[in-house]
Amino acid sequence: MIKSSRYDVDVDVGAAGDGDHRGYVKHTTVMTMKMKTDMISYDSMMSAKMVVSWALIAGIMVIVAIVKKLPYPYRAILDAGVCAGLSWGMGATVFIYAKSVTTGKAPEIDPCLPQEP
C-alpha cells in the first residue's frame, strides 16, 4: 500500500492478482467531495467569499428541491422559462460569435471579469 499525500488514500498496486500493476485508488465519498471542492477552488478562497459561495450552492439545492415538489402545470411553466432563458443565452453567444467571424473584429464587450480594486 502506498499513501497518497494529497487526499490521504491508500493506493493498492496490483491488487487484482492477475499481474496488473497499474494501481488504483479506492475513492470514498468524502474524498470525492473534497476533490470537487478543489476543482472549483474552494480551498483557496477567502473566508467571506467561501461563505457566499457555499450559501449560493445551498440556495440552489433548496430551490431545486422546492421545484421538484411543484405540481404539474407550475413545474412545466417553470421548466419552459428555464429552457427559454438558456436558449436566449446560447442564441446571443452564437450571434456574437457569428458577428465577430463575419466582420473580422472582436466584440467591443470585454469578456474578462472586473479587476479587484
Protein backbone atom coordinates (compact mmCIF):
# COMPACT_ATOMS: atom_id res chain seq x y z
CA MET A 1 0.00 0.00 0.00
CA ILE A 2 1.20 3.49 -0.88
CA LYS A 3 -0.15 6.57 0.92
CA SER A 4 -1.16 9.49 -1.31
CA SER A 5 -0.10 12.80 0.21
CA ARG A 6 -2.88 15.00 -1.18
CA TYR A 7 -6.01 13.12 -0.13
CA ASP A 8 -4.80 10.53 2.40
CA VAL A 9 -5.99 7.49 0.48
CA ASP A 10 -4.50 4.08 0.01
CA VAL A 11 -3.23 3.21 -3.44
CA ASP A 12 -3.20 -0.53 -3.91
CA VAL A 13 -0.69 -1.65 -6.54
CA GLY A 14 -1.52 -4.87 -8.34
CA ALA A 15 -4.33 -5.91 -6.02
CA ALA A 16 -6.25 -7.67 -8.78
CA GLY A 17 -3.88 -10.63 -8.57
CA ASP A 18 -3.76 -11.03 -12.32
CA GLY A 19 -0.43 -9.33 -12.87
CA ASP A 20 -1.97 -5.90 -13.32
CA HIS A 21 0.45 -3.49 -11.63
CA ARG A 22 -1.04 -0.17 -12.73
CA GLY A 23 -2.54 0.58 -9.33
CA TYR A 24 -5.83 2.17 -8.47
CA VAL A 25 -7.23 4.47 -5.81
CA LYS A 26 -10.08 3.47 -3.54
CA HIS A 27 -12.37 6.51 -3.66
CA THR A 28 -14.56 7.42 -0.72
CA THR A 29 -17.49 9.82 -0.65
CA VAL A 30 -15.58 12.30 1.50
CA MET A 31 -12.62 12.19 -0.88
CA THR A 32 -14.90 12.73 -3.88
CA MET A 33 -16.49 15.78 -2.24
CA LYS A 34 -13.04 17.12 -1.36
CA MET A 35 -11.88 16.70 -4.95
CA LYS A 36 -14.95 18.53 -6.25
CA THR A 37 -14.35 21.47 -3.93
CA ASP A 38 -10.71 21.52 -5.01
CA MET A 39 -11.77 21.68 -8.65
CA ILE A 40 -13.88 24.79 -8.04
CA SER A 41 -11.11 26.35 -5.94
CA TYR A 42 -12.98 26.50 -2.64
CA ASP A 43 -9.82 25.58 -0.77
CA SER A 44 -8.01 28.77 -1.83
CA MET A 45 -10.82 31.30 -1.27
CA MET A 46 -11.02 33.95 1.37
CA SER A 47 -13.47 33.11 4.15
CA ALA A 48 -16.18 35.68 3.24
CA LYS A 49 -16.19 34.61 -0.40
CA MET A 50 -16.31 30.96 0.63
CA VAL A 51 -19.36 31.58 2.83
CA VAL A 52 -21.13 33.33 -0.05
CA SER A 53 -20.23 30.50 -2.45
CA TRP A 54 -21.46 27.77 -0.11
CA ALA A 55 -24.63 29.78 0.60
CA LEU A 56 -25.24 30.08 -3.14
CA ILE A 57 -24.82 26.32 -3.63
CA ALA A 58 -27.12 25.60 -0.67
CA GLY A 59 -29.68 28.05 -2.05
CA ILE A 60 -29.63 26.39 -5.46
CA MET A 61 -30.10 22.99 -3.83
CA VAL A 62 -33.11 24.30 -1.86
CA ILE A 63 -34.64 25.83 -5.00
CA VAL A 64 -34.20 22.55 -6.89
CA ALA A 65 -35.84 20.63 -4.05
CA ILE A 66 -38.78 23.05 -4.00
CA VAL A 67 -39.20 22.97 -7.79
CA LYS A 68 -39.21 19.16 -7.76
CA LYS A 69 -42.25 19.25 -5.45
CA LEU A 70 -44.28 21.70 -7.57
CA PRO A 71 -47.48 20.32 -9.10
CA TYR A 72 -47.76 19.65 -12.82
CA PRO A 73 -48.71 22.91 -14.52
CA TYR A 74 -46.43 25.13 -12.45
CA ARG A 75 -43.36 22.96 -12.84
CA ALA A 76 -43.89 22.76 -16.61
CA ILE A 77 -44.20 26.56 -16.80
CA LEU A 78 -41.01 26.96 -14.79
CA ASP A 79 -39.18 24.41 -16.97
CA ALA A 80 -40.30 26.28 -20.09
CA GLY A 81 -38.93 29.51 -18.62
CA VAL A 82 -35.59 27.88 -17.89
CA CYS A 83 -35.43 26.49 -21.45
CA ALA A 84 -36.29 29.92 -22.89
CA GLY A 85 -33.57 31.59 -20.82
CA LEU A 86 -30.94 29.03 -21.79
CA SER A 87 -31.94 29.29 -25.45
CA TRP A 88 -31.69 33.08 -25.30
CA GLY A 89 -28.19 32.88 -23.83
CA MET A 90 -27.00 30.32 -26.38
CA GLY A 91 -28.52 32.35 -29.20
CA ALA A 92 -26.81 35.53 -28.01
CA THR A 93 -23.48 33.71 -27.79
CA VAL A 94 -23.83 32.27 -31.31
CA PHE A 95 -24.92 35.69 -32.63
CA ILE A 96 -21.90 37.48 -31.13
CA TYR A 97 -19.58 34.74 -32.43
CA ALA A 98 -21.07 34.85 -35.95
CA LYS A 99 -20.89 38.65 -35.99
CA SER A 100 -17.23 38.63 -34.99
CA VAL A 101 -16.40 35.96 -37.60
CA THR A 102 -18.18 37.79 -40.43
CA THR A 103 -16.84 41.25 -39.60
CA GLY A 104 -13.38 40.06 -38.62
CA LYS A 105 -13.45 42.22 -35.47
CA ALA A 106 -13.61 41.09 -31.88
CA PRO A 107 -16.63 42.20 -29.87
CA GLU A 108 -16.28 45.51 -28.04
CA ILE A 109 -17.52 43.89 -24.84
CA ASP A 110 -14.69 42.87 -22.53
CA PRO A 111 -15.20 39.19 -21.61
CA CYS A 112 -12.88 39.40 -18.60
CA LEU A 113 -14.24 39.63 -15.11
CA PRO A 114 -13.77 43.03 -13.45
CA GLN A 115 -10.45 43.51 -11.74
CA GLU A 116 -10.36 43.70 -7.97
CA PRO A 117 -9.86 47.29 -6.71
